[in-house]
Amino acid sequence: SATVGWTDSTGNLWLFGGDGYAESDYRGKLGDL
């Protein structure tokens, strides 16, 4: 949740960070794109 997202001129969706789950079951702040 609390991600930042946008679409580019070719229709791709971009997603950055938020609060959630990475590769483990530990929930926290994410800084991935």
All heavy atoms as atom14 arrays in JSON, in Angstrom:
{
  "sequence": "SATVGWTDSTGNLWLFGGDGYAESDYRGKLGDL",
  "atom14_mask": [
    [1, 1, 1, 1, 1, 1, 0, 0, 0, 0, 0, 0, 0, 0],
    [1, 1, 1, 1, 1, 0, 0, 0, 0, 0, 0, 0, 0, 0],
    [1, 1, 1, 1, 1, 1, 1, 0, 0, 0, 0, 0, 0, 0],
    [1, 1, 1, 1, 1, 1, 1, 0, 0, 0, 0, 0, 0, 0],
    [1, 1, 1, 1, 0, 0, 0, 0, 0, 0, 0, 0, 0, 0],
    [1, 1, 1, 1, 1, 1, 1, 1, 1, 1, 1, 1, 1, 1],
    [1, 1, 1, 1, 1, 1, 1, 0, 0, 0, 0, 0, 0, 0],
    [1, 1, 1, 1, 1, 1, 1, 1, 0, 0, 0, 0, 0, 0],
    [1, 1, 1, 1, 1, 1, 0, 0, 0, 0, 0, 0, 0, 0],
    [1, 1, 1, 1, 1, 1, 1, 0, 0, 0, 0, 0, 0, 0],
    [1, 1, 1, 1, 0, 0, 0, 0, 0, 0, 0, 0, 0, 0],
    [1, 1, 1, 1, 1, 1, 1, 1, 0, 0, 0, 0, 0, 0],
    [1, 1, 1, 1, 1, 1, 1, 1, 0, 0, 0, 0, 0, 0],
    [1, 1, 1, 1, 1, 1, 1, 1, 1, 1, 1, 1, 1, 1],
    [1, 1, 1, 1, 1, 1, 1, 1, 0, 0, 0, 0, 0, 0],
    [1, 1, 1, 1, 1, 1, 1, 1, 1, 1, 1, 0, 0, 0],
    [1, 1, 1, 1, 0, 0, 0, 0, 0, 0, 0, 0, 0, 0],
    [1, 1, 1, 1, 0, 0, 0, 0, 0, 0, 0, 0, 0, 0],
    [1, 1, 1, 1, 1, 1, 1, 1, 0, 0, 0, 0, 0, 0],
    [1, 1, 1, 1, 0, 0, 0, 0, 0, 0, 0, 0, 0, 0],
    [1, 1, 1, 1, 1, 1, 1, 1, 1, 1, 1, 1, 0, 0],
    [1, 1, 1, 1, 1, 0, 0, 0, 0, 0, 0, 0, 0, 0],
    [1, 1, 1, 1, 1, 1, 1, 1, 1, 0, 0, 0, 0, 0],
    [1, 1, 1, 1, 1, 1, 0, 0, 0, 0, 0, 0, 0, 0],
    [1, 1, 1, 1, 1, 1, 1, 1, 0, 0, 0, 0, 0, 0],
    [1, 1, 1, 1, 1, 1, 1, 1, 1, 1, 1, 1, 0, 0],
    [1, 1, 1, 1, 1, 1, 1, 1, 1, 1, 1, 0, 0, 0],
    [1, 1, 1, 1, 0, 0, 0, 0, 0, 0, 0, 0, 0, 0],
    [1, 1, 1, 1, 1, 1, 1, 1, 1, 0, 0, 0, 0, 0],
    [1, 1, 1, 1, 1, 1, 1, 1, 0, 0, 0, 0, 0, 0],
    [1, 1, 1, 1, 0, 0, 0, 0, 0, 0, 0, 0, 0, 0],
    [1, 1, 1, 1, 1, 1, 1, 1, 0, 0, 0, 0, 0, 0],
    [1, 1, 1, 1, 1, 1, 1, 1, 0, 0, 0, 0, 0, 0]
  ],
  "atom14_positions": [
    [[0.86, -1.18, 0.0], [0.0, 0.0, 0.0], [0.9, 1.23, 0.0], [2.12, 1.12, 0.17], [-0.92, -0.01, 1.23], [-0.15, 0.04, 2.41], [0.0, 0.0, 0.0], [0.0, 0.0, 0.0], [0.0, 0.0, 0.0], [0.0, 0.0, 0.0], [0.0, 0.0, 0.0], [0.0, 0.0, 0.0], [0.0, 0.0, 0.0], [0.0, 0.0, 0.0]],
    [[0.3, 2.4, -0.17], [1.01, 3.68, -0.16], [2.14, 3.73, -1.19], [3.21, 4.25, -0.94], [1.54, 4.0, 1.23], [0.0, 0.0, 0.0], [0.0, 0.0, 0.0], [0.0, 0.0, 0.0], [0.0, 0.0, 0.0], [0.0, 0.0, 0.0], [0.0, 0.0, 0.0], [0.0, 0.0, 0.0], [0.0, 0.0, 0.0], [0.0, 0.0, 0.0]],
    [[1.87, 3.18, -2.37], [2.85, 3.19, -3.46], [2.69, 4.46, -4.3], [1.71, 5.18, -4.18], [2.66, 1.98, -4.39], [1.37, 2.07, -4.98], [2.79, 0.68, -3.65], [0.0, 0.0, 0.0], [0.0, 0.0, 0.0], [0.0, 0.0, 0.0], [0.0, 0.0, 0.0], [0.0, 0.0, 0.0], [0.0, 0.0, 0.0], [0.0, 0.0, 0.0]],
    [[3.65, 4.67, -5.16], [3.56, 5.7, -6.18], [3.54, 4.98, -7.51], [4.37, 4.1, -7.75], [4.76, 6.67, -6.11], [4.73, 7.66, -7.25], [4.81, 7.38, -4.78], [0.0, 0.0, 0.0], [0.0, 0.0, 0.0], [0.0, 0.0, 0.0], [0.0, 0.0, 0.0], [0.0, 0.0, 0.0], [0.0, 0.0, 0.0], [0.0, 0.0, 0.0]],
    [[2.6, 5.32, -8.36], [2.5, 4.66, -9.65], [2.16, 5.63, -10.75], [1.56, 6.68, -10.52], [0.0, 0.0, 0.0], [0.0, 0.0, 0.0], [0.0, 0.0, 0.0], [0.0, 0.0, 0.0], [0.0, 0.0, 0.0], [0.0, 0.0, 0.0], [0.0, 0.0, 0.0], [0.0, 0.0, 0.0], [0.0, 0.0, 0.0], [0.0, 0.0, 0.0]],
    [[2.57, 5.3, -11.97], [2.27, 6.12, -13.14], [2.35, 5.26, -14.39], [2.9, 4.17, -14.36], [3.24, 7.31, -13.23], [4.68, 6.92, -13.43], [5.34, 6.83, -14.63], [5.62, 6.56, -12.43], [6.64, 6.44, -14.42], [6.85, 6.27, -13.07], [5.57, 6.44, -11.04], [7.99, 5.87, -12.38], [6.72, 6.06, -10.35], [7.9, 5.78, -11.03]],
    [[1.8, 5.75, -15.47], [1.93, 5.08, -16.75], [2.78, 5.94, -17.67], [2.72, 7.17, -17.62], [0.57, 4.81, -17.42], [-0.15, 6.03, -17.53], [-0.23, 3.81, -16.62], [0.0, 0.0, 0.0], [0.0, 0.0, 0.0], [0.0, 0.0, 0.0], [0.0, 0.0, 0.0], [0.0, 0.0, 0.0], [0.0, 0.0, 0.0], [0.0, 0.0, 0.0]],
    [[3.58, 5.29, -18.5], [4.41, 6.03, -19.45], [3.7, 6.16, -20.79], [2.56, 5.7, -20.95], [5.8, 5.39, -19.58], [5.79, 3.98, -20.15], [4.83, 3.61, -20.85], [6.77, 3.25, -19.9], [0.0, 0.0, 0.0], [0.0, 0.0, 0.0], [0.0, 0.0, 0.0], [0.0, 0.0, 0.0], [0.0, 0.0, 0.0], [0.0, 0.0, 0.0]],
    [[4.35, 6.79, -21.75], [3.73, 7.08, -23.04], [3.44, 5.83, -23.87], [2.66, 5.89, -24.83], [4.61, 8.03, -23.85], [5.88, 7.43, -24.1], [0.0, 0.0, 0.0], [0.0, 0.0, 0.0], [0.0, 0.0, 0.0], [0.0, 0.0, 0.0], [0.0, 0.0, 0.0], [0.0, 0.0, 0.0], [0.0, 0.0, 0.0], [0.0, 0.0, 0.0]],
    [[4.03, 4.68, -23.52], [3.77, 3.44, -24.25], [2.77, 2.53, -23.54], [2.53, 1.41, -23.97], [5.08, 2.68, -24.51], [5.7, 2.34, -23.27], [6.04, 3.51, -25.35], [0.0, 0.0, 0.0], [0.0, 0.0, 0.0], [0.0, 0.0, 0.0], [0.0, 0.0, 0.0], [0.0, 0.0, 0.0], [0.0, 0.0, 0.0], [0.0, 0.0, 0.0]],
    [[2.23, 3.0, -22.4], [1.21, 2.23, -21.69], [1.71, 1.33, -20.59], [0.92, 0.6, -19.99], [0.0, 0.0, 0.0], [0.0, 0.0, 0.0], [0.0, 0.0, 0.0], [0.0, 0.0, 0.0], [0.0, 0.0, 0.0], [0.0, 0.0, 0.0], [0.0, 0.0, 0.0], [0.0, 0.0, 0.0], [0.0, 0.0, 0.0], [0.0, 0.0, 0.0]],
    [[3.01, 1.34, -20.31], [3.54, 0.54, -19.21], [3.19, 1.19, -17.88], [3.17, 2.42, -17.76], [5.07, 0.43, -19.32], [5.5, -0.34, -20.52], [5.02, -1.43, -20.78], [6.41, 0.23, -21.29], [0.0, 0.0, 0.0], [0.0, 0.0, 0.0], [0.0, 0.0, 0.0], [0.0, 0.0, 0.0], [0.0, 0.0, 0.0], [0.0, 0.0, 0.0]],
    [[2.92, 0.37, -16.88], [2.66, 0.85, -15.53], [3.95, 0.76, -14.72], [4.62, -0.27, -14.73], [1.59, -0.03, -14.86], [1.37, 0.18, -13.36], [0.79, 1.57, -13.11], [0.49, -0.89, -12.79], [0.0, 0.0, 0.0], [0.0, 0.0, 0.0], [0.0, 0.0, 0.0], [0.0, 0.0, 0.0], [0.0, 0.0, 0.0], [0.0, 0.0, 0.0]],
    [[4.29, 1.84, -14.05], [5.47, 1.89, -13.18], [4.99, 1.94, -11.73], [4.01, 2.61, -11.42], [6.31, 3.11, -13.51], [6.97, 3.0, -14.85], [6.38, 3.26, -16.06], [8.3, 2.61, -15.11], [7.28, 3.04, -17.06], [8.47, 2.65, -16.51], [9.38, 2.23, -14.32], [9.67, 2.32, -17.12], [10.57, 1.91, -14.93], [10.72, 1.95, -16.31]],
    [[5.7, 1.25, -10.86], [5.33, 1.15, -9.45], [6.58, 1.34, -8.6], [7.6, 0.68, -8.84], [4.74, -0.25, -9.18], [4.31, -0.59, -7.78], [3.05, 0.19, -7.43], [4.06, -2.08, -7.66], [0.0, 0.0, 0.0], [0.0, 0.0, 0.0], [0.0, 0.0, 0.0], [0.0, 0.0, 0.0], [0.0, 0.0, 0.0], [0.0, 0.0, 0.0]],
    [[6.5, 2.26, -7.64], [7.64, 2.5, -6.77], [7.24, 2.37, -5.31], [6.29, 2.99, -4.84], [8.24, 3.89, -6.98], [9.35, 4.19, -6.01], [10.59, 3.6, -6.16], [9.14, 5.03, -4.94], [11.61, 3.84, -5.25], [10.14, 5.3, -4.02], [11.38, 4.7, -4.19], [0.0, 0.0, 0.0], [0.0, 0.0, 0.0], [0.0, 0.0, 0.0]],
    [[8.02, 1.57, -4.57], [7.98, 1.49, -3.12], [6.63, 1.2, -2.5], [5.79, 0.5, -3.06], [0.0, 0.0, 0.0], [0.0, 0.0, 0.0], [0.0, 0.0, 0.0], [0.0, 0.0, 0.0], [0.0, 0.0, 0.0], [0.0, 0.0, 0.0], [0.0, 0.0, 0.0], [0.0, 0.0, 0.0], [0.0, 0.0, 0.0], [0.0, 0.0, 0.0]],
    [[6.46, 1.74, -1.3], [5.25, 1.54, -0.54], [5.53, 0.83, 0.77], [6.67, 0.74, 1.24], [0.0, 0.0, 0.0], [0.0, 0.0, 0.0], [0.0, 0.0, 0.0], [0.0, 0.0, 0.0], [0.0, 0.0, 0.0], [0.0, 0.0, 0.0], [0.0, 0.0, 0.0], [0.0, 0.0, 0.0], [0.0, 0.0, 0.0], [0.0, 0.0, 0.0]],
    [[4.48, 0.31, 1.35], [4.56, -0.43, 2.6], [3.97, -1.81, 2.33], [2.81, -1.92, 1.95], [3.76, 0.29, 3.69], [3.84, -0.41, 5.03], [4.93, -0.86, 5.4], [2.8, -0.52, 5.7], [0.0, 0.0, 0.0], [0.0, 0.0, 0.0], [0.0, 0.0, 0.0], [0.0, 0.0, 0.0], [0.0, 0.0, 0.0], [0.0, 0.0, 0.0]],
    [[4.77, -2.85, 2.49], [4.25, -4.17, 2.19], [5.3, -5.25, 2.33], [6.17, -5.18, 3.19], [0.0, 0.0, 0.0], [0.0, 0.0, 0.0], [0.0, 0.0, 0.0], [0.0, 0.0, 0.0], [0.0, 0.0, 0.0], [0.0, 0.0, 0.0], [0.0, 0.0, 0.0], [0.0, 0.0, 0.0], [0.0, 0.0, 0.0], [0.0, 0.0, 0.0]],
    [[5.23, -6.23, 1.45], [6.05, -7.43, 1.54], [6.99, -7.54, 0.35], [6.57, -7.42, -0.8], [5.15, -8.67, 1.59], [4.22, -8.65, 2.76], [2.95, -8.1, 2.65], [4.63, -9.15, 3.98], [2.09, -8.07, 3.74], [3.76, -9.12, 5.07], [2.5, -8.58, 4.95], [1.66, -8.54, 6.03], [0.0, 0.0, 0.0], [0.0, 0.0, 0.0]],
    [[8.25, -7.81, 0.63], [9.22, -8.06, -0.43], [9.28, -9.57, -0.64], [8.26, -10.21, -0.87], [10.58, -7.48, -0.05], [0.0, 0.0, 0.0], [0.0, 0.0, 0.0], [0.0, 0.0, 0.0], [0.0, 0.0, 0.0], [0.0, 0.0, 0.0], [0.0, 0.0, 0.0], [0.0, 0.0, 0.0], [0.0, 0.0, 0.0], [0.0, 0.0, 0.0]],
    [[10.46, -10.17, -0.5], [10.59, -11.62, -0.68], [10.44, -12.4, 0.63], [10.54, -13.61, 0.63], [11.95, -11.95, -1.32], [12.03, -11.55, -2.76], [13.31, -12.0, -3.43], [14.38, -11.93, -2.81], [13.23, -12.42, -4.58], [0.0, 0.0, 0.0], [0.0, 0.0, 0.0], [0.0, 0.0, 0.0], [0.0, 0.0, 0.0], [0.0, 0.0, 0.0]],
    [[10.19, -11.7, 1.72], [9.99, -12.39, 3.0], [8.62, -12.03, 3.55], [7.95, -11.14, 3.04], [11.08, -11.97, 3.99], [10.85, -10.64, 4.42], [0.0, 0.0, 0.0], [0.0, 0.0, 0.0], [0.0, 0.0, 0.0], [0.0, 0.0, 0.0], [0.0, 0.0, 0.0], [0.0, 0.0, 0.0], [0.0, 0.0, 0.0], [0.0, 0.0, 0.0]],
    [[8.22, -12.69, 4.62], [6.93, -12.39, 5.21], [7.0, -11.25, 6.23], [6.08, -11.02, 6.98], [6.3, -13.64, 5.84], [7.15, -14.23, 6.94], [8.23, -13.71, 7.23], [6.71, -15.24, 7.52], [0.0, 0.0, 0.0], [0.0, 0.0, 0.0], [0.0, 0.0, 0.0], [0.0, 0.0, 0.0], [0.0, 0.0, 0.0], [0.0, 0.0, 0.0]],
    [[8.11, -10.51, 6.22], [8.26, -9.34, 7.09], [7.75, -8.11, 6.36], [8.23, -7.77, 5.28], [9.74, -9.16, 7.48], [9.97, -7.93, 8.33], [9.6, -7.92, 9.67], [10.53, -6.8, 7.78], [9.79, -6.79, 10.44], [10.73, -5.66, 8.55], [10.35, -5.67, 9.88], [10.54, -4.54, 10.64], [0.0, 0.0, 0.0], [0.0, 0.0, 0.0]],
    [[6.76, -7.44, 6.95], [6.18, -6.25, 6.33], [7.0, -5.03, 6.71], [7.42, -4.88, 7.85], [4.74, -6.08, 6.78], [4.07, -4.91, 6.11], [2.65, -4.74, 6.58], [2.11, -3.58, 5.92], [0.93, -3.52, 5.36], [0.14, -4.56, 5.4], [0.52, -2.43, 4.78], [0.0, 0.0, 0.0], [0.0, 0.0, 0.0], [0.0, 0.0, 0.0]],
    [[7.21, -4.13, 5.75], [7.96, -2.91, 6.03], [7.98, -1.98, 4.84], [7.27, -2.17, 3.85], [0.0, 0.0, 0.0], [0.0, 0.0, 0.0], [0.0, 0.0, 0.0], [0.0, 0.0, 0.0], [0.0, 0.0, 0.0], [0.0, 0.0, 0.0], [0.0, 0.0, 0.0], [0.0, 0.0, 0.0], [0.0, 0.0, 0.0], [0.0, 0.0, 0.0]],
    [[8.82, -0.96, 4.93], [8.98, 0.03, 3.87], [9.77, -0.56, 2.71], [10.78, -1.23, 2.91], [9.71, 1.27, 4.38], [9.01, 1.95, 5.53], [7.71, 2.57, 5.08], [7.05, 3.3, 6.23], [5.67, 3.61, 6.0], [0.0, 0.0, 0.0], [0.0, 0.0, 0.0], [0.0, 0.0, 0.0], [0.0, 0.0, 0.0], [0.0, 0.0, 0.0]],
    [[9.3, -0.28, 1.5], [9.93, -0.8, 0.29], [10.5, 0.36, -0.52], [9.91, 1.44, -0.57], [8.9, -1.55, -0.55], [8.28, -2.77, 0.12], [7.0, -3.19, -0.59], [9.28, -3.9, 0.14], [0.0, 0.0, 0.0], [0.0, 0.0, 0.0], [0.0, 0.0, 0.0], [0.0, 0.0, 0.0], [0.0, 0.0, 0.0], [0.0, 0.0, 0.0]],
    [[11.62, 0.14, -1.19], [12.25, 1.13, -2.04], [12.57, 0.56, -3.4], [13.61, 0.87, -3.97], [0.0, 0.0, 0.0], [0.0, 0.0, 0.0], [0.0, 0.0, 0.0], [0.0, 0.0, 0.0], [0.0, 0.0, 0.0], [0.0, 0.0, 0.0], [0.0, 0.0, 0.0], [0.0, 0.0, 0.0], [0.0, 0.0, 0.0], [0.0, 0.0, 0.0]],
    [[11.7, -0.28, -3.92], [11.95, -0.94, -5.19], [11.14, -0.29, -6.32], [10.11, 0.34, -6.09], [11.63, -2.43, -5.1], [10.26, -2.72, -4.52], [9.55, -1.78, -4.12], [9.9, -3.9, -4.44], [0.0, 0.0, 0.0], [0.0, 0.0, 0.0], [0.0, 0.0, 0.0], [0.0, 0.0, 0.0], [0.0, 0.0, 0.0], [0.0, 0.0, 0.0]],
    [[11.63, -0.43, -7.54], [10.97, 0.11, -8.73], [10.66, -1.04, -9.68], [11.53, -1.85, -9.98], [11.88, 1.13, -9.42], [11.35, 1.74, -10.72], [10.1, 2.59, -10.45], [12.43, 2.58, -11.38], [0.0, 0.0, 0.0], [0.0, 0.0, 0.0], [0.0, 0.0, 0.0], [0.0, 0.0, 0.0], [0.0, 0.0, 0.0], [0.0, 0.0, 0.0]]
  ]
}
